[in-house]
Amino acid sequence: MRAFVAVQLPEWLKANVARVQASLKWHLRAHHLRWASTRQLHLTLKFLGEVDEEAVPEMTANLEMAVAAVSPFTLSVGGFGCFPDGERPRVCWLGVEGAVAELTVLQQRVEEALLPWSPQEARPFVPHLTLARVTRPVRGLRRDVAALPEAMIHETLGSWEVKAVDFMRSVLLPQGARHELVKKVGLEGEAK
């Protein structure tokens, strides 16, 4: 099965992201962008790719041990940007702020727990929510991103407490991927 580990967003925050995404769709309508489904919006900690379903119980047991001592923490969503940069945008995203140091520790624990089944990611962890992917570069995207209203680029959409990570299955369908929860793993460290 195709799998990943993620932090889920509350539904009210997804609704806020959907509002911003609709505005961005209008502002960037001249470009070839494939917009992410806000229904399935999540913060990816580790993409595993194809894994053997028989290994899932051992993987989730490792995950439980790795994150058990991590305390819940608060994150917020806001700030618009592009990867790799504004000069050659390929992915449009919203930033993740707040307890990013705690989030990074959590991500490293997840990464280490799942090393037997998936190699370590070569790129550094940059927490973000993917809003859209550029399907075909068109001249002027950088200019149009730079012309977005300042409030949209820096708007904070809300904060939420991270209390768990989810081991997810991604089922690829003609209309796009469908994400299914395999196991929710709680953060059980003492709250700060």
N, C-alpha and C. Protein backbone atom coordinates (compact mmCIF):
# COMPACT_ATOMS: atom_id res chain seq x y z
N MET A 1 0.84 -1.19 0.00
CA MET A 1 0.00 0.00 0.00
C MET A 1 0.87 1.25 0.00
N ARG A 2 0.32 2.33 -0.48
CA ARG A 2 1.02 3.62 -0.52
C ARG A 2 0.71 4.32 0.80
N ALA A 3 1.75 4.75 1.53
CA ALA A 3 1.53 5.25 2.88
C ALA A 3 2.31 6.52 3.17
N PHE A 4 1.83 7.25 4.20
CA PHE A 4 2.53 8.43 4.70
C PHE A 4 2.10 8.67 6.14
N VAL A 5 2.86 9.50 6.85
CA VAL A 5 2.53 9.89 8.22
C VAL A 5 2.31 11.39 8.20
N ALA A 6 1.21 11.82 8.85
CA ALA A 6 0.85 13.24 8.78
C ALA A 6 0.23 13.74 10.07
N VAL A 7 0.19 15.05 10.19
CA VAL A 7 -0.58 15.75 11.21
C VAL A 7 -1.81 16.29 10.49
N GLN A 8 -2.97 15.99 11.05
CA GLN A 8 -4.22 16.45 10.44
C GLN A 8 -4.59 17.84 10.95
N LEU A 9 -5.32 18.58 10.14
CA LEU A 9 -5.83 19.90 10.51
C LEU A 9 -7.29 19.78 10.91
N PRO A 10 -7.75 20.61 11.85
CA PRO A 10 -9.18 20.61 12.18
C PRO A 10 -9.99 21.12 10.99
N GLU A 11 -11.24 20.70 10.93
CA GLU A 11 -12.11 21.06 9.80
C GLU A 11 -12.29 22.57 9.65
N TRP A 12 -12.40 23.31 10.76
CA TRP A 12 -12.58 24.75 10.67
C TRP A 12 -11.37 25.41 10.02
N LEU A 13 -10.18 24.87 10.25
CA LEU A 13 -8.97 25.43 9.66
C LEU A 13 -8.91 25.09 8.16
N LYS A 14 -9.34 23.88 7.81
CA LYS A 14 -9.42 23.53 6.38
C LYS A 14 -10.37 24.48 5.65
N ALA A 15 -11.46 24.86 6.31
CA ALA A 15 -12.41 25.80 5.71
C ALA A 15 -11.74 27.17 5.49
N ASN A 16 -10.93 27.61 6.43
CA ASN A 16 -10.19 28.88 6.26
C ASN A 16 -9.21 28.78 5.09
N VAL A 17 -8.52 27.63 4.99
CA VAL A 17 -7.59 27.43 3.88
C VAL A 17 -8.35 27.41 2.55
N ALA A 18 -9.51 26.78 2.51
CA ALA A 18 -10.32 26.72 1.28
C ALA A 18 -10.70 28.13 0.82
N ARG A 19 -11.01 29.01 1.77
CA ARG A 19 -11.36 30.39 1.44
C ARG A 19 -10.18 31.11 0.78
N VAL A 20 -8.98 30.94 1.36
CA VAL A 20 -7.79 31.56 0.79
C VAL A 20 -7.46 30.94 -0.57
N GLN A 21 -7.59 29.61 -0.65
CA GLN A 21 -7.30 28.92 -1.90
C GLN A 21 -8.22 29.41 -3.02
N ALA A 22 -9.50 29.64 -2.72
CA ALA A 22 -10.43 30.15 -3.73
C ALA A 22 -9.98 31.52 -4.24
N SER A 23 -9.52 32.36 -3.34
CA SER A 23 -9.03 33.68 -3.74
C SER A 23 -7.77 33.57 -4.59
N LEU A 24 -6.87 32.67 -4.18
CA LEU A 24 -5.65 32.45 -4.96
C LEU A 24 -5.96 31.92 -6.35
N LYS A 25 -6.94 31.03 -6.45
CA LYS A 25 -7.35 30.49 -7.76
C LYS A 25 -7.76 31.63 -8.68
N TRP A 26 -8.46 32.61 -8.13
CA TRP A 26 -8.89 33.73 -8.95
C TRP A 26 -7.69 34.58 -9.35
N HIS A 27 -6.82 34.91 -8.40
CA HIS A 27 -5.66 35.76 -8.69
C HIS A 27 -4.67 35.09 -9.64
N LEU A 28 -4.57 33.78 -9.58
CA LEU A 28 -3.57 33.06 -10.40
C LEU A 28 -4.24 32.24 -11.50
N ARG A 29 -5.42 32.65 -11.92
CA ARG A 29 -6.23 31.88 -12.87
C ARG A 29 -5.58 31.71 -14.23
N ALA A 30 -4.65 32.56 -14.60
CA ALA A 30 -4.02 32.48 -15.92
C ALA A 30 -2.94 31.40 -15.99
N HIS A 31 -2.69 30.73 -14.88
CA HIS A 31 -1.57 29.78 -14.84
C HIS A 31 -2.06 28.34 -14.74
N HIS A 32 -1.21 27.44 -15.15
CA HIS A 32 -1.54 26.01 -15.13
C HIS A 32 -1.16 25.44 -13.76
N LEU A 33 -2.13 25.48 -12.85
CA LEU A 33 -1.91 24.98 -11.49
C LEU A 33 -2.89 23.85 -11.21
N ARG A 34 -2.41 22.81 -10.56
CA ARG A 34 -3.29 21.73 -10.10
C ARG A 34 -3.48 21.96 -8.61
N TRP A 35 -4.68 22.30 -8.21
CA TRP A 35 -4.97 22.69 -6.84
C TRP A 35 -5.22 21.47 -5.97
N ALA A 36 -4.66 21.48 -4.78
CA ALA A 36 -4.85 20.39 -3.82
C ALA A 36 -6.27 20.43 -3.27
N SER A 37 -6.78 19.28 -2.91
CA SER A 37 -8.09 19.20 -2.27
C SER A 37 -7.96 19.63 -0.81
N THR A 38 -8.70 20.65 -0.41
CA THR A 38 -8.62 21.09 0.99
C THR A 38 -9.27 20.08 1.92
N ARG A 39 -10.14 19.21 1.40
CA ARG A 39 -10.75 18.15 2.22
C ARG A 39 -9.67 17.25 2.80
N GLN A 40 -8.62 17.00 2.02
CA GLN A 40 -7.58 16.07 2.42
C GLN A 40 -6.30 16.77 2.85
N LEU A 41 -6.38 18.05 3.10
CA LEU A 41 -5.20 18.83 3.48
C LEU A 41 -4.60 18.30 4.78
N HIS A 42 -3.29 18.14 4.80
CA HIS A 42 -2.58 17.64 5.97
C HIS A 42 -1.14 18.13 5.92
N LEU A 43 -0.45 17.98 7.03
CA LEU A 43 0.96 18.35 7.14
C LEU A 43 1.76 17.05 7.12
N THR A 44 2.43 16.77 6.03
CA THR A 44 3.17 15.52 5.88
C THR A 44 4.44 15.55 6.72
N LEU A 45 4.62 14.49 7.53
CA LEU A 45 5.84 14.32 8.30
C LEU A 45 6.79 13.35 7.62
N LYS A 46 6.22 12.33 6.94
CA LYS A 46 7.05 11.33 6.28
C LYS A 46 6.23 10.67 5.18
N PHE A 47 6.71 10.75 3.94
CA PHE A 47 6.10 10.02 2.84
C PHE A 47 6.86 8.70 2.71
N LEU A 48 6.14 7.61 2.79
CA LEU A 48 6.76 6.28 2.76
C LEU A 48 6.73 5.64 1.38
N GLY A 49 5.79 6.01 0.55
CA GLY A 49 5.63 5.36 -0.74
C GLY A 49 4.99 3.99 -0.55
N GLU A 50 5.35 3.05 -1.40
CA GLU A 50 4.78 1.70 -1.33
C GLU A 50 5.41 0.92 -0.19
N VAL A 51 4.57 0.36 0.70
CA VAL A 51 5.04 -0.47 1.80
C VAL A 51 4.22 -1.76 1.81
N ASP A 52 4.80 -2.81 2.35
CA ASP A 52 4.14 -4.09 2.47
C ASP A 52 3.11 -4.00 3.60
N GLU A 53 1.86 -4.34 3.31
CA GLU A 53 0.81 -4.24 4.33
C GLU A 53 1.10 -5.11 5.54
N GLU A 54 1.82 -6.20 5.34
CA GLU A 54 2.15 -7.07 6.47
C GLU A 54 3.09 -6.38 7.47
N ALA A 55 3.82 -5.36 7.02
CA ALA A 55 4.75 -4.64 7.90
C ALA A 55 4.07 -3.54 8.70
N VAL A 56 2.83 -3.20 8.38
CA VAL A 56 2.16 -2.07 9.01
C VAL A 56 2.07 -2.19 10.53
N PRO A 57 1.71 -3.37 11.10
CA PRO A 57 1.67 -3.44 12.57
C PRO A 57 3.02 -3.12 13.23
N GLU A 58 4.10 -3.60 12.65
CA GLU A 58 5.42 -3.30 13.21
C GLU A 58 5.77 -1.82 13.01
N MET A 59 5.41 -1.28 11.86
CA MET A 59 5.67 0.14 11.59
C MET A 59 4.93 1.02 12.58
N THR A 60 3.64 0.73 12.81
CA THR A 60 2.86 1.57 13.73
C THR A 60 3.32 1.38 15.18
N ALA A 61 3.80 0.19 15.53
CA ALA A 61 4.36 -0.02 16.88
C ALA A 61 5.61 0.83 17.06
N ASN A 62 6.48 0.87 16.05
CA ASN A 62 7.67 1.73 16.10
C ASN A 62 7.26 3.19 16.22
N LEU A 63 6.25 3.57 15.46
CA LEU A 63 5.76 4.95 15.48
C LEU A 63 5.24 5.31 16.87
N GLU A 64 4.48 4.42 17.49
CA GLU A 64 3.96 4.66 18.83
C GLU A 64 5.08 4.89 19.84
N MET A 65 6.11 4.05 19.78
CA MET A 65 7.25 4.21 20.71
C MET A 65 7.98 5.53 20.46
N ALA A 66 8.12 5.89 19.19
CA ALA A 66 8.89 7.08 18.84
C ALA A 66 8.22 8.37 19.29
N VAL A 67 6.89 8.43 19.24
CA VAL A 67 6.22 9.70 19.54
C VAL A 67 5.59 9.74 20.92
N ALA A 68 5.64 8.64 21.67
CA ALA A 68 4.96 8.57 22.97
C ALA A 68 5.40 9.67 23.93
N ALA A 69 6.67 10.02 23.95
CA ALA A 69 7.18 11.01 24.91
C ALA A 69 7.00 12.46 24.43
N VAL A 70 6.53 12.65 23.20
CA VAL A 70 6.36 14.00 22.67
C VAL A 70 5.10 14.61 23.27
N SER A 71 5.21 15.83 23.75
CA SER A 71 4.07 16.55 24.31
C SER A 71 3.28 17.23 23.21
N PRO A 72 1.96 17.37 23.39
CA PRO A 72 1.18 18.17 22.44
C PRO A 72 1.75 19.59 22.34
N PHE A 73 1.57 20.20 21.19
CA PHE A 73 2.08 21.55 20.94
C PHE A 73 1.16 22.26 19.96
N THR A 74 1.34 23.57 19.84
CA THR A 74 0.45 24.39 19.01
C THR A 74 1.16 24.90 17.77
N LEU A 75 0.48 24.77 16.64
CA LEU A 75 0.96 25.29 15.36
C LEU A 75 -0.07 26.27 14.81
N SER A 76 0.37 27.10 13.89
CA SER A 76 -0.56 27.98 13.17
C SER A 76 -0.22 27.93 11.69
N VAL A 77 -1.19 28.31 10.88
CA VAL A 77 -1.04 28.30 9.43
C VAL A 77 -1.14 29.73 8.93
N GLY A 78 -0.23 30.09 8.04
CA GLY A 78 -0.29 31.41 7.43
C GLY A 78 0.96 31.71 6.64
N GLY A 79 0.85 32.62 5.73
CA GLY A 79 1.97 33.00 4.89
C GLY A 79 2.02 32.14 3.64
N PHE A 80 2.01 32.79 2.50
CA PHE A 80 2.00 32.11 1.21
C PHE A 80 3.40 32.15 0.60
N GLY A 81 3.79 31.08 -0.07
CA GLY A 81 5.09 31.06 -0.75
C GLY A 81 5.13 29.99 -1.82
N CYS A 82 6.30 29.85 -2.44
CA CYS A 82 6.50 28.88 -3.51
C CYS A 82 7.82 28.15 -3.33
N PHE A 83 7.86 26.90 -3.77
CA PHE A 83 9.10 26.12 -3.86
C PHE A 83 9.44 25.97 -5.33
N PRO A 84 10.69 25.92 -5.75
CA PRO A 84 11.84 26.10 -4.89
C PRO A 84 12.04 27.55 -4.47
N ASP A 85 11.50 28.49 -5.25
CA ASP A 85 11.58 29.91 -4.90
C ASP A 85 10.63 30.68 -5.82
N GLY A 86 10.58 31.98 -5.63
CA GLY A 86 9.69 32.80 -6.44
C GLY A 86 10.11 32.94 -7.88
N GLU A 87 11.37 32.66 -8.18
CA GLU A 87 11.86 32.77 -9.56
C GLU A 87 11.38 31.61 -10.43
N ARG A 88 11.33 30.41 -9.85
CA ARG A 88 10.95 29.20 -10.60
C ARG A 88 9.91 28.41 -9.81
N PRO A 89 8.74 28.98 -9.56
CA PRO A 89 7.78 28.29 -8.71
C PRO A 89 7.31 26.96 -9.31
N ARG A 90 7.31 25.92 -8.49
CA ARG A 90 6.80 24.60 -8.89
C ARG A 90 5.68 24.15 -7.96
N VAL A 91 5.73 24.61 -6.70
CA VAL A 91 4.72 24.28 -5.70
C VAL A 91 4.34 25.56 -4.96
N CYS A 92 3.04 25.77 -4.80
CA CYS A 92 2.54 26.91 -4.02
C CYS A 92 2.08 26.36 -2.67
N TRP A 93 2.43 27.06 -1.58
CA TRP A 93 2.16 26.52 -0.24
C TRP A 93 1.75 27.60 0.74
N LEU A 94 1.19 27.12 1.87
CA LEU A 94 0.97 27.96 3.04
C LEU A 94 1.96 27.52 4.10
N GLY A 95 2.49 28.48 4.82
CA GLY A 95 3.50 28.17 5.84
C GLY A 95 2.89 27.66 7.13
N VAL A 96 3.73 27.01 7.92
CA VAL A 96 3.36 26.51 9.23
C VAL A 96 4.28 27.20 10.23
N GLU A 97 3.68 27.80 11.27
CA GLU A 97 4.42 28.55 12.26
C GLU A 97 4.03 28.07 13.66
N GLY A 98 4.59 28.69 14.66
CA GLY A 98 4.30 28.32 16.04
C GLY A 98 5.42 27.46 16.59
N ALA A 99 5.07 26.34 17.18
CA ALA A 99 6.06 25.44 17.82
C ALA A 99 6.77 24.58 16.77
N VAL A 100 7.45 25.26 15.85
CA VAL A 100 8.13 24.56 14.75
C VAL A 100 9.29 23.71 15.27
N ALA A 101 9.95 24.13 16.34
CA ALA A 101 11.05 23.32 16.91
C ALA A 101 10.50 21.99 17.41
N GLU A 102 9.36 22.00 18.09
CA GLU A 102 8.74 20.77 18.57
C GLU A 102 8.27 19.91 17.40
N LEU A 103 7.72 20.56 16.37
CA LEU A 103 7.29 19.84 15.17
C LEU A 103 8.48 19.16 14.50
N THR A 104 9.61 19.84 14.44
CA THR A 104 10.81 19.27 13.81
C THR A 104 11.31 18.06 14.60
N VAL A 105 11.27 18.14 15.92
CA VAL A 105 11.65 16.99 16.75
C VAL A 105 10.71 15.82 16.46
N LEU A 106 9.42 16.09 16.40
CA LEU A 106 8.44 15.04 16.09
C LEU A 106 8.73 14.42 14.74
N GLN A 107 8.99 15.24 13.74
CA GLN A 107 9.27 14.74 12.39
C GLN A 107 10.52 13.87 12.39
N GLN A 108 11.57 14.27 13.12
CA GLN A 108 12.80 13.48 13.18
C GLN A 108 12.56 12.14 13.86
N ARG A 109 11.73 12.13 14.90
CA ARG A 109 11.39 10.86 15.57
C ARG A 109 10.62 9.93 14.63
N VAL A 110 9.70 10.50 13.87
CA VAL A 110 8.94 9.70 12.89
C VAL A 110 9.89 9.15 11.84
N GLU A 111 10.76 10.00 11.34
CA GLU A 111 11.74 9.60 10.31
C GLU A 111 12.59 8.42 10.80
N GLU A 112 13.14 8.54 12.01
CA GLU A 112 14.00 7.49 12.56
C GLU A 112 13.23 6.20 12.82
N ALA A 113 12.00 6.32 13.29
CA ALA A 113 11.20 5.13 13.60
C ALA A 113 10.89 4.30 12.36
N LEU A 114 10.83 4.97 11.20
CA LEU A 114 10.42 4.27 9.98
C LEU A 114 11.57 4.02 9.00
N LEU A 115 12.81 4.27 9.45
CA LEU A 115 13.98 4.03 8.59
C LEU A 115 14.08 2.60 8.07
N PRO A 116 13.70 1.58 8.85
CA PRO A 116 13.80 0.22 8.31
C PRO A 116 12.93 -0.01 7.06
N TRP A 117 11.93 0.84 6.83
CA TRP A 117 11.01 0.64 5.71
C TRP A 117 11.11 1.71 4.64
N SER A 118 11.78 2.79 4.94
CA SER A 118 11.85 3.89 3.98
C SER A 118 13.12 4.69 4.23
N PRO A 119 13.89 4.98 3.18
CA PRO A 119 15.13 5.75 3.40
C PRO A 119 14.85 7.15 3.90
N GLN A 120 15.84 7.72 4.56
CA GLN A 120 15.72 9.08 5.07
C GLN A 120 15.58 10.05 3.91
N GLU A 121 14.71 11.02 4.09
CA GLU A 121 14.50 12.06 3.09
C GLU A 121 15.79 12.87 2.95
N ALA A 122 16.22 13.10 1.72
CA ALA A 122 17.47 13.83 1.47
C ALA A 122 17.29 15.33 1.72
N ARG A 123 16.11 15.85 1.43
CA ARG A 123 15.87 17.28 1.60
C ARG A 123 15.55 17.59 3.06
N PRO A 124 15.92 18.77 3.53
CA PRO A 124 15.57 19.14 4.91
C PRO A 124 14.05 19.30 5.04
N PHE A 125 13.56 19.06 6.25
CA PHE A 125 12.13 19.19 6.53
C PHE A 125 11.76 20.67 6.57
N VAL A 126 10.81 21.06 5.72
CA VAL A 126 10.29 22.42 5.69
C VAL A 126 8.77 22.31 5.85
N PRO A 127 8.25 22.57 7.05
CA PRO A 127 6.82 22.39 7.26
C PRO A 127 5.99 23.35 6.40
N HIS A 128 5.02 22.78 5.69
CA HIS A 128 4.16 23.57 4.81
C HIS A 128 2.93 22.76 4.44
N LEU A 129 1.94 23.44 3.91
CA LEU A 129 0.74 22.81 3.38
C LEU A 129 0.71 23.09 1.88
N THR A 130 0.76 22.07 1.07
CA THR A 130 0.76 22.25 -0.38
C THR A 130 -0.63 22.67 -0.84
N LEU A 131 -0.69 23.83 -1.51
CA LEU A 131 -1.94 24.33 -2.06
C LEU A 131 -2.12 23.98 -3.52
N ALA A 132 -1.01 24.03 -4.28
CA ALA A 132 -1.10 23.78 -5.73
C ALA A 132 0.27 23.40 -6.27
N ARG A 133 0.25 22.70 -7.39
CA ARG A 133 1.47 22.36 -8.12
C ARG A 133 1.38 22.99 -9.50
N VAL A 134 2.51 23.51 -9.97
CA VAL A 134 2.57 24.09 -11.30
C VAL A 134 2.66 22.92 -12.29
N THR A 135 1.68 22.79 -13.15
CA THR A 135 1.69 21.67 -14.11
C THR A 135 2.44 22.01 -15.38
N ARG A 136 2.42 23.30 -15.74
CA ARG A 136 3.15 23.75 -16.92
C ARG A 136 3.55 25.20 -16.68
N PRO A 137 4.87 25.44 -16.56
CA PRO A 137 5.30 26.82 -16.31
C PRO A 137 4.84 27.77 -17.42
N VAL A 138 4.32 28.89 -17.01
CA VAL A 138 3.87 29.92 -17.93
C VAL A 138 4.52 31.22 -17.50
N ARG A 139 4.97 31.98 -18.45
CA ARG A 139 5.60 33.26 -18.13
C ARG A 139 4.63 34.14 -17.34
N GLY A 140 5.14 34.78 -16.32
CA GLY A 140 4.33 35.72 -15.55
C GLY A 140 3.86 35.21 -14.20
N LEU A 141 4.06 33.93 -13.89
CA LEU A 141 3.61 33.43 -12.60
C LEU A 141 4.33 34.16 -11.46
N ARG A 142 5.63 34.33 -11.60
CA ARG A 142 6.39 35.03 -10.55
C ARG A 142 5.84 36.44 -10.35
N ARG A 143 5.56 37.12 -11.45
CA ARG A 143 5.01 38.49 -11.37
C ARG A 143 3.65 38.49 -10.68
N ASP A 144 2.79 37.51 -11.03
CA ASP A 144 1.45 37.46 -10.45
C ASP A 144 1.49 37.07 -8.97
N VAL A 145 2.42 36.22 -8.59
CA VAL A 145 2.58 35.88 -7.17
C VAL A 145 3.04 37.13 -6.41
N ALA A 146 4.00 37.86 -6.99
CA ALA A 146 4.50 39.08 -6.33
C ALA A 146 3.40 40.14 -6.22
N ALA A 147 2.40 40.11 -7.11
CA ALA A 147 1.33 41.11 -7.10
C ALA A 147 0.16 40.73 -6.19
N LEU A 148 0.24 39.58 -5.52
CA LEU A 148 -0.84 39.19 -4.61
C LEU A 148 -0.98 40.23 -3.50
N PRO A 149 -2.20 40.44 -3.01
CA PRO A 149 -2.38 41.40 -1.92
C PRO A 149 -1.52 41.01 -0.71
N GLU A 150 -0.89 42.01 -0.12
CA GLU A 150 0.00 41.79 1.03
C GLU A 150 -0.70 41.02 2.15
N ALA A 151 -1.95 41.35 2.42
CA ALA A 151 -2.70 40.68 3.49
C ALA A 151 -2.83 39.18 3.21
N MET A 152 -2.99 38.80 1.95
CA MET A 152 -3.12 37.39 1.60
C MET A 152 -1.81 36.64 1.83
N ILE A 153 -0.71 37.27 1.53
CA ILE A 153 0.59 36.63 1.66
C ILE A 153 0.96 36.40 3.12
N HIS A 154 0.53 37.28 4.00
CA HIS A 154 0.95 37.19 5.40
C HIS A 154 -0.18 36.83 6.36
N GLU A 155 -1.37 36.57 5.85
CA GLU A 155 -2.52 36.29 6.72
C GLU A 155 -2.32 35.01 7.54
N THR A 156 -2.63 35.08 8.84
CA THR A 156 -2.64 33.89 9.69
C THR A 156 -4.06 33.36 9.69
N LEU A 157 -4.21 32.07 9.40
CA LEU A 157 -5.53 31.46 9.22
C LEU A 157 -6.05 30.78 10.47
N GLY A 158 -5.18 30.60 11.47
CA GLY A 158 -5.62 29.98 12.70
C GLY A 158 -4.58 29.06 13.30
N SER A 159 -4.77 28.74 14.58
CA SER A 159 -3.87 27.86 15.32
C SER A 159 -4.63 26.64 15.81
N TRP A 160 -3.91 25.55 16.01
CA TRP A 160 -4.53 24.35 16.57
C TRP A 160 -3.49 23.55 17.35
N GLU A 161 -3.99 22.72 18.26
CA GLU A 161 -3.09 21.91 19.07
C GLU A 161 -2.89 20.55 18.40
N VAL A 162 -1.62 20.20 18.22
CA VAL A 162 -1.27 18.90 17.64
C VAL A 162 -1.21 17.90 18.78
N LYS A 163 -2.09 16.89 18.73
CA LYS A 163 -2.18 15.89 19.79
C LYS A 163 -1.89 14.48 19.29
N ALA A 164 -1.73 14.32 17.96
CA ALA A 164 -1.53 12.98 17.39
C ALA A 164 -0.90 13.09 16.02
N VAL A 165 -0.37 11.97 15.57
CA VAL A 165 0.04 11.81 14.17
C VAL A 165 -0.79 10.66 13.60
N ASP A 166 -1.00 10.70 12.30
CA ASP A 166 -1.80 9.67 11.65
C ASP A 166 -0.97 8.91 10.63
N PHE A 167 -1.03 7.57 10.72
CA PHE A 167 -0.46 6.70 9.70
C PHE A 167 -1.56 6.53 8.66
N MET A 168 -1.29 6.98 7.44
CA MET A 168 -2.32 7.06 6.41
C MET A 168 -2.00 6.18 5.20
N ARG A 169 -3.09 5.74 4.56
CA ARG A 169 -3.00 5.03 3.28
C ARG A 169 -3.50 6.00 2.21
N SER A 170 -2.82 6.01 1.07
CA SER A 170 -3.23 6.83 -0.05
C SER A 170 -3.64 5.90 -1.18
N VAL A 171 -4.93 5.95 -1.54
CA VAL A 171 -5.45 5.12 -2.62
C VAL A 171 -5.55 5.99 -3.86
N LEU A 172 -4.80 5.62 -4.91
CA LEU A 172 -4.80 6.41 -6.13
C LEU A 172 -5.99 6.03 -7.00
N LEU A 173 -6.79 7.03 -7.35
CA LEU A 173 -8.00 6.85 -8.17
C LEU A 173 -7.91 7.79 -9.37
N PRO A 174 -8.68 7.52 -10.43
CA PRO A 174 -8.64 8.41 -11.61
C PRO A 174 -8.96 9.87 -11.27
N GLN A 175 -9.83 10.10 -10.28
CA GLN A 175 -10.20 11.47 -9.90
C GLN A 175 -9.26 12.06 -8.85
N GLY A 176 -8.20 11.35 -8.49
CA GLY A 176 -7.23 11.83 -7.50
C GLY A 176 -7.10 10.85 -6.35
N ALA A 177 -6.18 11.13 -5.47
CA ALA A 177 -5.92 10.23 -4.34
C ALA A 177 -7.01 10.37 -3.27
N ARG A 178 -7.31 9.25 -2.63
CA ARG A 178 -8.21 9.25 -1.46
C ARG A 178 -7.36 8.80 -0.27
N HIS A 179 -7.38 9.57 0.81
CA HIS A 179 -6.58 9.26 1.98
C HIS A 179 -7.45 8.57 3.03
N GLU A 180 -6.92 7.48 3.59
CA GLU A 180 -7.64 6.71 4.59
C GLU A 180 -6.78 6.54 5.83
N LEU A 181 -7.36 6.75 7.00
CA LEU A 181 -6.65 6.57 8.26
C LEU A 181 -6.42 5.08 8.52
N VAL A 182 -5.16 4.73 8.80
CA VAL A 182 -4.83 3.36 9.19
C VAL A 182 -4.72 3.29 10.70
N LYS A 183 -4.00 4.27 11.30
CA LYS A 183 -3.82 4.27 12.76
C LYS A 183 -3.51 5.69 13.23
N LYS A 184 -4.22 6.12 14.26
CA LYS A 184 -3.95 7.40 14.93
C LYS A 184 -3.06 7.11 16.12
N VAL A 185 -1.95 7.86 16.24
CA VAL A 185 -0.99 7.64 17.32
C VAL A 185 -0.91 8.93 18.13
N GLY A 186 -1.32 8.88 19.40
CA GLY A 186 -1.37 10.06 20.24
C GLY A 186 -0.01 10.48 20.77
N LEU A 187 0.15 11.78 20.97
CA LEU A 187 1.32 12.34 21.63
C LEU A 187 1.01 12.31 23.12
N GLU A 188 1.79 11.57 23.88
CA GLU A 188 1.44 11.31 25.28
C GLU A 188 2.35 11.97 26.31
N GLY A 189 3.30 12.80 25.83
CA GLY A 189 4.15 13.50 26.77
C GLY A 189 3.32 14.48 27.60
N GLU A 190 3.89 14.93 28.71
CA GLU A 190 3.16 15.88 29.56
C GLU A 190 2.98 17.20 28.83
N ALA A 191 1.77 17.73 28.88
CA ALA A 191 1.49 19.01 28.25
C ALA A 191 2.30 20.11 28.91
N LYS A 192 2.78 21.05 28.11
CA LYS A 192 3.59 22.15 28.64
C LYS A 192 2.72 23.26 29.13
